[in-house]
């Protein structure tokens, strides 16, 4: 049986006037704390392409080796991590969270 990887995806819409502050906080503080939990193998931080006039929207995809690591994160760390973001940004940064199972990975090579 093959080992399953999970992705914990957090999509965040940030009010434009707070975008720069939020990105700095994420890169300088939050990602370090998230990786410091020991639950995640790595992360990918991206900015979504949105329609003009929409708030800047970002996604952070955290890779986990298994469901147990995600359950440990949710139980031991998630409430505190989420509260820190709420305390700092309130409703200026709204998050939507999902998990995904990685079924296959790969890369295409140039011909």
PDB file of N, CA and C in Angstrom:
ATOM      1  N   UNK A   1       0.848  -1.189   0.000  1.00  0.00           N
ATOM      2  CA  UNK A   1       0.000   0.000   0.000  1.00  0.00           C
ATOM      3  C   UNK A   1       0.886   1.243   0.000  1.00  0.00           C
ATOM      4  N   UNK A   2       0.569   2.207  -0.867  1.00  0.00           N
ATOM      5  CA  UNK A   2       1.413   3.397  -0.955  1.00  0.00           C
ATOM      6  C   UNK A   2       1.082   4.382   0.170  1.00  0.00           C
ATOM      7  N   UNK A   3       2.075   5.138   0.549  1.00  0.00           N
ATOM      8  CA  UNK A   3       1.898   6.136   1.604  1.00  0.00           C
ATOM      9  C   UNK A   3       1.199   7.365   1.024  1.00  0.00           C
ATOM     10  N   UNK A   4       0.217   7.859   1.743  1.00  0.00           N
ATOM     11  CA  UNK A   4      -0.563   9.006   1.308  1.00  0.00           C
ATOM     12  C   UNK A   4      -0.005  10.281   1.918  1.00  0.00           C
ATOM     13  N   UNK A   5       0.087  11.320   1.113  1.00  0.00           N
ATOM     14  CA  UNK A   5       0.435  12.649   1.603  1.00  0.00           C
ATOM     15  C   UNK A   5      -0.824  13.500   1.605  1.00  0.00           C
ATOM     16  N   UNK A   6      -0.871  14.435   2.535  1.00  0.00           N
ATOM     17  CA  UNK A   6      -1.984  15.371   2.599  1.00  0.00           C
ATOM     18  C   UNK A   6      -1.474  16.781   2.403  1.00  0.00           C
ATOM     19  N   UNK A   7      -2.340  17.628   1.885  1.00  0.00           N
ATOM     20  CA  UNK A   7      -2.079  19.057   1.798  1.00  0.00           C
ATOM     21  C   UNK A   7      -3.138  19.755   2.637  1.00  0.00           C
ATOM     22  N   UNK A   8      -2.679  20.587   3.543  1.00  0.00           N
ATOM     23  CA  UNK A   8      -3.572  21.442   4.317  1.00  0.00           C
ATOM     24  C   UNK A   8      -3.505  22.801   3.644  1.00  0.00           C
ATOM     25  N   UNK A   9      -4.605  23.214   3.030  1.00  0.00           N
ATOM     26  CA  UNK A   9      -4.652  24.436   2.241  1.00  0.00           C
ATOM     27  C   UNK A   9      -5.403  25.527   3.005  1.00  0.00           C
ATOM     28  N   UNK A  10      -4.765  26.670   3.157  1.00  0.00           N
ATOM     29  CA  UNK A  10      -5.408  27.814   3.802  1.00  0.00           C
ATOM     30  C   UNK A  10      -5.445  28.943   2.784  1.00  0.00           C
ATOM     31  N   UNK A  11      -6.648  29.355   2.403  1.00  0.00           N
ATOM     32  CA  UNK A  11      -6.841  30.454   1.464  1.00  0.00           C
ATOM     33  C   UNK A  11      -7.282  31.672   2.266  1.00  0.00           C
ATOM     34  N   UNK A  12      -6.581  32.789   2.084  1.00  0.00           N
ATOM     35  CA  UNK A  12      -6.830  33.982   2.898  1.00  0.00           C
ATOM     36  C   UNK A  12      -7.050  35.189   1.997  1.00  0.00           C
ATOM     37  N   UNK A  13      -8.175  35.872   2.204  1.00  0.00           N
ATOM     38  CA  UNK A  13      -8.477  37.126   1.527  1.00  0.00           C
ATOM     39  C   UNK A  13      -8.181  38.254   2.510  1.00  0.00           C
ATOM     40  N   UNK A  14      -7.327  39.190   2.086  1.00  0.00           N
ATOM     41  CA  UNK A  14      -6.841  40.243   2.975  1.00  0.00           C
ATOM     42  C   UNK A  14      -7.269  41.608   2.437  1.00  0.00           C
ATOM     43  N   UNK A  15      -7.804  42.448   3.311  1.00  0.00           N
ATOM     44  CA  UNK A  15      -8.130  43.806   2.877  1.00  0.00           C
ATOM     45  C   UNK A  15      -6.868  44.445   2.314  1.00  0.00           C
ATOM     46  N   UNK A  16      -7.027  45.122   1.187  1.00  0.00           N
ATOM     47  CA  UNK A  16      -5.870  45.654   0.461  1.00  0.00           C
ATOM     48  C   UNK A  16      -4.958  46.518   1.328  1.00  0.00           C
ATOM     49  N   UNK A  17      -5.522  47.381   2.158  1.00  0.00           N
ATOM     50  CA  UNK A  17      -4.674  48.278   2.958  1.00  0.00           C
ATOM     51  C   UNK A  17      -3.890  47.529   4.039  1.00  0.00           C
ATOM     52  N   UNK A  18      -4.210  46.266   4.292  1.00  0.00           N
ATOM     53  CA  UNK A  18      -3.495  45.465   5.289  1.00  0.00           C
ATOM     54  C   UNK A  18      -2.651  44.368   4.645  1.00  0.00           C
ATOM     55  N   UNK A  19      -2.673  44.292   3.311  1.00  0.00           N
ATOM     56  CA  UNK A  19      -1.986  43.220   2.605  1.00  0.00           C
ATOM     57  C   UNK A  19      -0.514  43.128   2.890  1.00  0.00           C
ATOM     58  N   UNK A  20       0.194  44.230   2.801  1.00  0.00           N
ATOM     59  CA  UNK A  20       1.637  44.235   3.019  1.00  0.00           C
ATOM     60  C   UNK A  20       1.987  43.809   4.444  1.00  0.00           C
ATOM     61  N   UNK A  21       1.252  44.332   5.405  1.00  0.00           N
ATOM     62  CA  UNK A  21       1.486  43.966   6.813  1.00  0.00           C
ATOM     63  C   UNK A  21       1.225  42.477   7.032  1.00  0.00           C
ATOM     64  N   UNK A  22       0.147  41.961   6.420  1.00  0.00           N
ATOM     65  CA  UNK A  22      -0.191  40.557   6.588  1.00  0.00           C
ATOM     66  C   UNK A  22       0.885  39.651   5.979  1.00  0.00           C
ATOM     67  N   UNK A  23       1.353  39.985   4.781  1.00  0.00           N
ATOM     68  CA  UNK A  23       2.386  39.180   4.132  1.00  0.00           C
ATOM     69  C   UNK A  23       3.664  39.182   4.982  1.00  0.00           C
ATOM     70  N   UNK A  24       4.056  40.340   5.494  1.00  0.00           N
ATOM     71  CA  UNK A  24       5.246  40.413   6.345  1.00  0.00           C
ATOM     72  C   UNK A  24       5.084  39.542   7.576  1.00  0.00           C
ATOM     73  N   UNK A  25       3.923  39.623   8.235  1.00  0.00           N
ATOM     74  CA  UNK A  25       3.654  38.803   9.414  1.00  0.00           C
ATOM     75  C   UNK A  25       3.716  37.318   9.072  1.00  0.00           C
ATOM     76  N   UNK A  26       3.103  36.945   7.939  1.00  0.00           N
ATOM     77  CA  UNK A  26       3.095  35.546   7.541  1.00  0.00           C
ATOM     78  C   UNK A  26       4.514  35.032   7.331  1.00  0.00           C
ATOM     79  N   UNK A  27       5.307  35.782   6.574  1.00  0.00           N
ATOM     80  CA  UNK A  27       6.662  35.335   6.241  1.00  0.00           C
ATOM     81  C   UNK A  27       7.616  35.392   7.429  1.00  0.00           C
ATOM     82  N   UNK A  28       7.499  36.411   8.259  1.00  0.00           N
ATOM     83  CA  UNK A  28       8.456  36.596   9.353  1.00  0.00           C
ATOM     84  C   UNK A  28       8.084  35.860  10.636  1.00  0.00           C
ATOM     85  N   UNK A  29       6.801  35.601  10.845  1.00  0.00           N
ATOM     86  CA  UNK A  29       6.369  35.001  12.104  1.00  0.00           C
ATOM     87  C   UNK A  29       5.581  33.709  11.915  1.00  0.00           C
ATOM     88  N   UNK A  30       4.460  33.820  11.240  1.00  0.00           N
ATOM     89  CA  UNK A  30       3.503  32.717  11.227  1.00  0.00           C
ATOM     90  C   UNK A  30       4.064  31.435  10.599  1.00  0.00           C
ATOM     91  N   UNK A  31       4.698  31.543   9.444  1.00  0.00           N
ATOM     92  CA  UNK A  31       5.225  30.336   8.803  1.00  0.00           C
ATOM     93  C   UNK A  31       6.299  29.675   9.661  1.00  0.00           C
ATOM     94  N   UNK A  32       7.112  30.469  10.333  1.00  0.00           N
ATOM     95  CA  UNK A  32       8.128  29.898  11.231  1.00  0.00           C
ATOM     96  C   UNK A  32       7.456  29.112  12.362  1.00  0.00           C
ATOM     97  N   UNK A  33       6.400  29.684  12.926  1.00  0.00           N
ATOM     98  CA  UNK A  33       5.682  28.995  14.000  1.00  0.00           C
ATOM     99  C   UNK A  33       5.006  27.727  13.485  1.00  0.00           C
ATOM    100  N   UNK A  34       4.391  27.817  12.313  1.00  0.00           N
ATOM    101  CA  UNK A  34       3.723  26.642  11.748  1.00  0.00           C
ATOM    102  C   UNK A  34       4.734  25.515  11.513  1.00  0.00           C
ATOM    103  N   UNK A  35       5.855  25.834  10.897  1.00  0.00           N
ATOM    104  CA  UNK A  35       6.857  24.803  10.638  1.00  0.00           C
ATOM    105  C   UNK A  35       7.476  24.302  11.946  1.00  0.00           C
ATOM    106  N   UNK A  36       7.515  25.165  12.948  1.00  0.00           N
ATOM    107  CA  UNK A  36       8.056  24.787  14.248  1.00  0.00           C
ATOM    108  C   UNK A  36       7.209  23.774  15.003  1.00  0.00           C
ATOM    109  N   UNK A  37       5.960  23.563  14.579  1.00  0.00           N
ATOM    110  CA  UNK A  37       5.122  22.566  15.240  1.00  0.00           C
ATOM    111  C   UNK A  37       5.626  21.153  14.999  1.00  0.00           C
ATOM    112  N   UNK A  38       6.394  20.958  13.931  1.00  0.00           N
ATOM    113  CA  UNK A  38       6.867  19.626  13.581  1.00  0.00           C
ATOM    114  C   UNK A  38       5.831  18.779  12.859  1.00  0.00           C
ATOM    115  N   UNK A  39       4.685  19.366  12.548  1.00  0.00           N
ATOM    116  CA  UNK A  39       3.609  18.620  11.882  1.00  0.00           C
ATOM    117  C   UNK A  39       3.747  18.607  10.367  1.00  0.00           C
ATOM    118  N   UNK A  40       4.482  19.558   9.805  1.00  0.00           N
ATOM    119  CA  UNK A  40       4.492  19.762   8.356  1.00  0.00           C
ATOM    120  C   UNK A  40       5.851  19.457   7.749  1.00  0.00           C
ATOM    121  N   UNK A  41       5.836  18.933   6.524  1.00  0.00           N
ATOM    122  CA  UNK A  41       7.061  18.647   5.789  1.00  0.00           C
ATOM    123  C   UNK A  41       7.583  19.885   5.068  1.00  0.00           C
ATOM    124  N   UNK A  42       6.672  20.781   4.677  1.00  0.00           N
ATOM    125  CA  UNK A  42       7.043  21.979   3.950  1.00  0.00           C
ATOM    126  C   UNK A  42       5.792  22.764   3.614  1.00  0.00           C
ATOM    127  N   UNK A  43       5.983  23.874   2.907  1.00  0.00           N
ATOM    128  CA  UNK A  43       4.849  24.715   2.537  1.00  0.00           C
ATOM    129  C   UNK A  43       5.103  25.363   1.196  1.00  0.00           C
ATOM    130  N   UNK A  44       4.038  25.884   0.612  1.00  0.00           N
ATOM    131  CA  UNK A  44       4.087  26.691  -0.609  1.00  0.00           C
ATOM    132  C   UNK A  44       3.181  27.890  -0.373  1.00  0.00           C
ATOM    133  N   UNK A  45       3.692  29.100  -0.570  1.00  0.00           N
ATOM    134  CA  UNK A  45       2.930  30.334  -0.376  1.00  0.00           C
ATOM    135  C   UNK A  45       2.729  30.973  -1.739  1.00  0.00           C
ATOM    136  N   UNK A  46       1.467  31.211  -2.112  1.00  0.00           N
ATOM    137  CA  UNK A  46       1.139  31.739  -3.435  1.00  0.00           C
ATOM    138  C   UNK A  46       0.134  32.876  -3.324  1.00  0.00           C
ATOM    139  N   UNK A  47       0.154  33.756  -4.312  1.00  0.00           N
ATOM    140  CA  UNK A  47      -0.886  34.772  -4.439  1.00  0.00           C
ATOM    141  C   UNK A  47      -1.775  34.370  -5.598  1.00  0.00           C
ATOM    142  N   UNK A  48      -3.077  34.344  -5.355  1.00  0.00           N
ATOM    143  CA  UNK A  48      -4.034  33.997  -6.394  1.00  0.00           C
ATOM    144  C   UNK A  48      -4.223  35.169  -7.342  1.00  0.00           C
ATOM    145  N   UNK A  49      -4.490  34.853  -8.592  1.00  0.00           N
ATOM    146  CA  UNK A  49      -4.879  35.872  -9.560  1.00  0.00           C
ATOM    147  C   UNK A  49      -6.376  36.091  -9.379  1.00  0.00           C
ATOM    148  N   UNK A  50      -6.757  37.304  -9.026  1.00  0.00           N
ATOM    149  CA  UNK A  50      -8.171  37.616  -8.791  1.00  0.00           C
ATOM    150  C   UNK A  50      -8.607  38.730  -9.737  1.00  0.00           C
ATOM    151  N   UNK A  51      -9.904  38.874  -9.856  1.00  0.00           N
ATOM    152  CA  UNK A  51     -10.435  39.924 -10.713  1.00  0.00           C
ATOM    153  C   UNK A  51     -10.118  41.295 -10.126  1.00  0.00           C
ATOM    154  N   UNK A  52      -9.993  42.272 -11.004  1.00  0.00           N
ATOM    155  CA  UNK A  52      -9.715  43.636 -10.573  1.00  0.00           C
ATOM    156  C   UNK A  52     -10.784  44.096  -9.578  1.00  0.00           C
ATOM    157  N   UNK A  53     -10.346  44.764  -8.534  1.00  0.00           N
ATOM    158  CA  UNK A  53     -11.263  45.259  -7.515  1.00  0.00           C
ATOM    159  C   UNK A  53     -11.472  44.301  -6.359  1.00  0.00           C
ATOM    160  N   UNK A  54     -11.020  43.052  -6.510  1.00  0.00           N
ATOM    161  CA  UNK A  54     -11.146  42.080  -5.425  1.00  0.00           C
ATOM    162  C   UNK A  54      -9.969  42.220  -4.466  1.00  0.00           C
ATOM    163  N   UNK A  55     -10.169  41.824  -3.231  1.00  0.00           N
ATOM    164  CA  UNK A  55      -9.094  41.864  -2.236  1.00  0.00           C
ATOM    165  C   UNK A  55      -7.983  40.893  -2.620  1.00  0.00           C
ATOM    166  N   UNK A  56      -6.741  41.239  -2.298  1.00  0.00           N
ATOM    167  CA  UNK A  56      -5.649  40.291  -2.522  1.00  0.00           C
ATOM    168  C   UNK A  56      -5.958  38.978  -1.804  1.00  0.00           C
ATOM    169  N   UNK A  57      -5.701  37.881  -2.484  1.00  0.00           N
ATOM    170  CA  UNK A  57      -6.000  36.566  -1.932  1.00  0.00           C
ATOM    171  C   UNK A  57      -4.775  35.680  -2.071  1.00  0.00           C
ATOM    172  N   UNK A  58      -4.472  34.962  -1.012  1.00  0.00           N
ATOM    173  CA  UNK A  58      -3.277  34.135  -0.934  1.00  0.00           C
ATOM    174  C   UNK A  58      -3.672  32.720  -0.550  1.00  0.00           C
ATOM    175  N   UNK A  59      -2.806  31.784  -0.888  1.00  0.00           N
ATOM    176  CA  UNK A  59      -2.985  30.419  -0.428  1.00  0.00           C
ATOM    177  C   UNK A  59      -1.660  29.918   0.134  1.00  0.00           C
ATOM    178  N   UNK A  60      -1.764  29.241   1.247  1.00  0.00           N
ATOM    179  CA  UNK A  60      -0.607  28.575   1.836  1.00  0.00           C
ATOM    180  C   UNK A  60      -0.943  27.097   1.862  1.00  0.00           C
ATOM    181  N   UNK A  61      -0.105  26.306   1.227  1.00  0.00           N
ATOM    182  CA  UNK A  61      -0.322  24.865   1.171  1.00  0.00           C
ATOM    183  C   UNK A  61       0.773  24.189   1.981  1.00  0.00           C
ATOM    184  N   UNK A  62       0.354  23.551   3.056  1.00  0.00           N
ATOM    185  CA  UNK A  62       1.281  22.852   3.945  1.00  0.00           C
ATOM    186  C   UNK A  62       1.218  21.360   3.632  1.00  0.00           C
ATOM    187  N   UNK A  63       2.368  20.740   3.425  1.00  0.00           N
ATOM    188  CA  UNK A  63       2.411  19.315   3.135  1.00  0.00           C
ATOM    189  C   UNK A  63       2.606  18.536   4.427  1.00  0.00           C
ATOM    190  N   UNK A  64       1.803  17.483   4.570  1.00  0.00           N
ATOM    191  CA  UNK A  64       1.885  16.595   5.729  1.00  0.00           C
ATOM    192  C   UNK A  64       2.164  15.178   5.264  1.00  0.00           C
ATOM    193  N   UNK A  65       2.853  14.404   6.079  1.00  0.00           N
ATOM    194  CA  UNK A  65       3.148  13.031   5.685  1.00  0.00           C
ATOM    195  C   UNK A  65       1.968  12.098   5.889  1.00  0.00           C
ATOM    196  N   UNK A  66       1.080  12.432   6.831  1.00  0.00           N
ATOM    197  CA  UNK A  66      -0.054  11.542   7.067  1.00  0.00           C
ATOM    198  C   UNK A  66      -1.165  12.254   7.839  1.00  0.00           C
ATOM    199  N   UNK A  67      -2.294  11.572   7.939  1.00  0.00           N
ATOM    200  CA  UNK A  67      -3.471  12.112   8.608  1.00  0.00           C
ATOM    201  C   UNK A  67      -3.215  12.357  10.095  1.00  0.00           C
ATOM    202  N   UNK A  68      -2.386  11.537  10.697  1.00  0.00           N
ATOM    203  CA  UNK A  68      -2.094  11.682  12.120  1.00  0.00           C
ATOM    204  C   UNK A  68      -1.408  13.014  12.413  1.00  0.00           C
ATOM    205  N   UNK A  69      -0.508  13.440  11.533  1.00  0.00           N
ATOM    206  CA  UNK A  69       0.147  14.745  11.727  1.00  0.00           C
ATOM    207  C   UNK A  69      -0.866  15.880  11.633  1.00  0.00           C
ATOM    208  N   UNK A  70      -1.832  15.752  10.707  1.00  0.00           N
ATOM    209  CA  UNK A  70      -2.864  16.780  10.602  1.00  0.00           C
ATOM    210  C   UNK A  70      -3.736  16.789  11.848  1.00  0.00           C
ATOM    211  N   UNK A  71      -4.119  15.631  12.325  1.00  0.00           N
ATOM    212  CA  UNK A  71      -4.932  15.554  13.543  1.00  0.00           C
ATOM    213  C   UNK A  71      -4.190  16.139  14.744  1.00  0.00           C
ATOM    214  N   UNK A  72      -2.891  15.879  14.819  1.00  0.00           N
ATOM    215  CA  UNK A  72      -2.071  16.449  15.912  1.00  0.00           C
ATOM    216  C   UNK A  72      -2.027  17.965  15.795  1.00  0.00           C
ATOM    217  N   UNK A  73      -1.853  18.478  14.572  1.00  0.00           N
ATOM    218  CA  UNK A  73      -1.856  19.927  14.381  1.00  0.00           C
ATOM    219  C   UNK A  73      -3.191  20.509  14.834  1.00  0.00           C
ATOM    220  N   UNK A  74      -4.289  19.950  14.345  1.00  0.00           N
ATOM    221  CA  UNK A  74      -5.625  20.456  14.684  1.00  0.00           C
ATOM    222  C   UNK A  74      -5.871  20.434  16.191  1.00  0.00           C
ATOM    223  N   UNK A  75      -5.460  19.379  16.841  1.00  0.00           N
ATOM    224  CA  UNK A  75      -5.704  19.214  18.277  1.00  0.00           C
ATOM    225  C   UNK A  75      -4.795  20.111  19.132  1.00  0.00           C
ATOM    226  N   UNK A  76      -3.498  20.107  18.811  1.00  0.00           N
ATOM    227  CA  UNK A  76      -2.519  20.733  19.700  1.00  0.00           C
ATOM    228  C   UNK A  76      -2.148  22.171  19.348  1.00  0.00           C
ATOM    229  N   UNK A  77      -2.287  22.560  18.083  1.00  0.00           N
ATOM    230  CA  UNK A  77      -1.756  23.849  17.645  1.00  0.00           C
ATOM    231  C   UNK A  77      -2.756  24.781  16.972  1.00  0.00           C
ATOM    232  N   UNK A  78      -3.692  24.229  16.211  1.00  0.00           N
ATOM    233  CA  UNK A  78      -4.572  25.066  15.376  1.00  0.00           C
ATOM    234  C   UNK A  78      -5.320  26.142  16.152  1.00  0.00           C
ATOM    235  N   UNK A  79      -5.934  25.822  17.294  1.00  0.00           N
ATOM    236  CA  UNK A  79      -6.688  26.885  17.988  1.00  0.00           C
ATOM    237  C   UNK A  79      -5.814  28.100  18.329  1.00  0.00           C
ATOM    238  N   UNK A  80      -4.622  27.874  18.815  1.00  0.00           N
ATOM    239  CA  UNK A  80      -3.730  28.977  19.158  1.00  0.00           C
ATOM    240  C   UNK A  80      -3.235  29.741  17.951  1.00  0.00           C
ATOM    241  N   UNK A  81      -2.902  29.018  16.884  1.00  0.00           N
ATOM    242  CA  UNK A  81      -2.421  29.671  15.665  1.00  0.00           C
ATOM    243  C   UNK A  81      -3.516  30.550  15.065  1.00  0.00           C
ATOM    244  N   UNK A  82      -4.724  30.032  15.023  1.00  0.00           N
ATOM    245  CA  UNK A  82      -5.836  30.800  14.453  1.00  0.00           C
ATOM    246  C   UNK A  82      -6.136  32.029  15.306  1.00  0.00           C
ATOM    247  N   UNK A  83      -6.039  31.874  16.614  1.00  0.00           N
ATOM    248  CA  UNK A  83      -6.323  32.998  17.502  1.00  0.00           C
ATOM    249  C   UNK A  83      -5.297  34.120  17.320  1.00  0.00           C
ATOM    250  N   UNK A  84      -4.041  33.768  17.106  1.00  0.00           N
ATOM    251  CA  UNK A  84      -3.011  34.788  16.880  1.00  0.00           C
ATOM    252  C   UNK A  84      -3.346  35.628  15.648  1.00  0.00           C
ATOM    253  N   UNK A  85      -3.785  34.972  14.579  1.00  0.00           N
ATOM    254  CA  UNK A  85      -4.170  35.704  13.371  1.00  0.00           C
ATOM    255  C   UNK A  85      -5.383  36.585  13.614  1.00  0.00           C
ATOM    256  N   UNK A  86      -6.358  36.062  14.332  1.00  0.00           N
ATOM    257  CA  UNK A  86      -7.551  36.855  14.657  1.00  0.00           C
ATOM    258  C   UNK A  86      -7.206  38.051  15.533  1.00  0.00           C
ATOM    259  N   UNK A  87      -6.354  37.834  16.526  1.00  0.00           N
ATOM    260  CA  UNK A  87      -5.961  38.929  17.424  1.00  0.00           C
ATOM    261  C   UNK A  87      -5.257  40.040  16.654  1.00  0.00           C
ATOM    262  N   UNK A  88      -4.468  39.664  15.689  1.00  0.00           N
ATOM    263  CA  UNK A  88      -3.683  40.658  14.950  1.00  0.00           C
ATOM    264  C   UNK A  88      -4.474  41.338  13.839  1.00  0.00           C
ATOM    265  N   UNK A  89      -5.316  40.576  13.114  1.00  0.00           N
ATOM    266  CA  UNK A  89      -5.971  41.120  11.918  1.00  0.00           C
ATOM    267  C   UNK A  89      -7.499  41.109  11.971  1.00  0.00           C
ATOM    268  N   UNK A  90      -8.089  40.414  12.923  1.00  0.00           N
ATOM    269  CA  UNK A  90      -9.542  40.366  13.020  1.00  0.00           C
ATOM    270  C   UNK A  90     -10.171  39.946  11.707  1.00  0.00           C
ATOM    271  N   UNK A  91     -11.188  40.699  11.275  1.00  0.00           N
ATOM    272  CA  UNK A  91     -11.868  40.358  10.022  1.00  0.00           C
ATOM    273  C   UNK A  91     -11.212  41.012   8.803  1.00  0.00           C
ATOM    274  N   UNK A  92     -10.014  41.529   8.968  1.00  0.00           N
ATOM    275  CA  UNK A  92      -9.273  42.135   7.851  1.00  0.00           C
ATOM    276  C   UNK A  92      -8.592  41.067   6.993  1.00  0.00           C
ATOM    277  N   UNK A  93      -8.491  39.839   7.539  1.00  0.00           N
ATOM    278  CA  UNK A  93      -7.909  38.706   6.822  1.00  0.00           C
ATOM    279  C   UNK A  93      -8.795  37.494   7.103  1.00  0.00           C
ATOM    280  N   UNK A  94      -9.580  37.096   6.100  1.00  0.00           N
ATOM    281  CA  UNK A  94     -10.540  36.006   6.273  1.00  0.00           C
ATOM    282  C   UNK A  94      -9.999  34.731   5.637  1.00  0.00           C
ATOM    283  N   UNK A  95      -9.988  33.652   6.418  1.00  0.00           N
ATOM    284  CA  UNK A  95      -9.383  32.397   5.969  1.00  0.00           C
ATOM    285  C   UNK A  95     -10.439  31.326   5.708  1.00  0.00           C
ATOM    286  N   UNK A  96     -10.142  30.494   4.726  1.00  0.00           N
ATOM    287  CA  UNK A  96     -10.945  29.333   4.368  1.00  0.00           C
ATOM    288  C   UNK A  96      -9.988  28.149   4.309  1.00  0.00           C
ATOM    289  N   UNK A  97     -10.281  27.083   5.036  1.00  0.00           N
ATOM    290  CA  UNK A  97      -9.346  25.968   5.164  1.00  0.00           C
ATOM    291  C   UNK A  97      -9.915  24.689   4.565  1.00  0.00           C
ATOM    292  N   UNK A  98      -9.053  23.940   3.854  1.00  0.00           N
ATOM    293  CA  UNK A  98      -9.427  22.646   3.292  1.00  0.00           C
ATOM    294  C   UNK A  98      -8.237  21.699   3.412  1.00  0.00           C
ATOM    295  N   UNK A  99      -8.507  20.416   3.291  1.00  0.00           N
ATOM    296  CA  UNK A  99      -7.437  19.433   3.185  1.00  0.00           C
ATOM    297  C   UNK A  99      -7.622  18.679   1.879  1.00  0.00           C
ATOM    298  N   UNK A 100      -6.509  18.239   1.322  1.00  0.00           N
ATOM    299  CA  UNK A 100      -6.530  17.505   0.063  1.00  0.00           C
ATOM    300  C   UNK A 100      -5.604  16.304   0.188  1.00  0.00           C
ATOM    301  N   UNK A 101      -5.992  15.207  -0.416  1.00  0.00           N
ATOM    302  CA  UNK A 101      -5.137  14.040  -0.487  1.00  0.00           C
ATOM    303  C   UNK A 101      -4.376  14.081  -1.805  1.00  0.00           C
ATOM    304  N   UNK A 102      -3.074  13.907  -1.756  1.00  0.00           N
ATOM    305  CA  UNK A 102      -2.248  13.882  -2.960  1.00  0.00           C
ATOM    306  C   UNK A 102      -2.319  12.481  -3.548  1.00  0.00           C
ATOM    307  N   UNK A 103      -2.850  12.387  -4.752  1.00  0.00           N
ATOM    308  CA  UNK A 103      -2.986  11.093  -5.417  1.00  0.00           C
ATOM    309  C   UNK A 103      -1.785  10.770  -6.291  1.00  0.00           C
ATOM    310  N   UNK A 104      -1.163  11.788  -6.868  1.00  0.00           N
ATOM    311  CA  UNK A 104       0.013  11.578  -7.710  1.00  0.00           C
ATOM    312  C   UNK A 104       0.757  12.897  -7.818  1.00  0.00           C
ATOM    313  N   UNK A 105       2.036  12.812  -8.029  1.00  0.00           N
ATOM    314  CA  UNK A 105       2.864  13.992  -8.283  1.00  0.00           C
ATOM    315  C   UNK A 105       3.777  13.668  -9.462  1.00  0.00           C
ATOM    316  N   UNK A 106       4.346  14.697 -10.038  1.00  0.00           N
ATOM    317  CA  UNK A 106       5.247  14.478 -11.152  1.00  0.00           C
ATOM    318  C   UNK A 106       5.656  15.792 -11.771  1.00  0.00           C
ATOM    319  N   UNK A 107       6.418  15.693 -12.825  1.00  0.00           N
ATOM    320  CA  UNK A 107       6.873  16.865 -13.561  1.00  0.00           C
ATOM    321  C   UNK A 107       7.048  16.472 -15.024  1.00  0.00           C
ATOM    322  N   UNK A 108       6.843  17.425 -15.897  1.00  0.00           N
ATOM    323  CA  UNK A 108       7.081  17.207 -17.327  1.00  0.00           C
ATOM    324  C   UNK A 108       8.454  17.739 -17.676  1.00  0.00           C
ATOM    325  N   UNK A 109       9.123  17.043 -18.522  1.00  0.00           N
ATOM    326  CA  UNK A 109      10.436  17.498 -18.982  1.00  0.00           C
ATOM    327  C   UNK A 109      10.301  18.106 -20.365  1.00  0.00           C
ATOM    328  N   UNK A 110      11.167  19.087 -20.636  1.00  0.00           N
ATOM    329  CA  UNK A 110      11.203  19.654 -21.997  1.00  0.00           C
ATOM    330  C   UNK A 110      11.609  18.571 -22.980  1.00  0.00           C
ATOM    331  N   UNK A 111      11.021  18.630 -24.172  1.00  0.00           N
ATOM    332  CA  UNK A 111      11.331  17.625 -25.221  1.00  0.00           C
ATOM    333  C   UNK A 111      12.680  17.850 -25.794  1.00  0.00           C
TER     334      UNK A 111
END
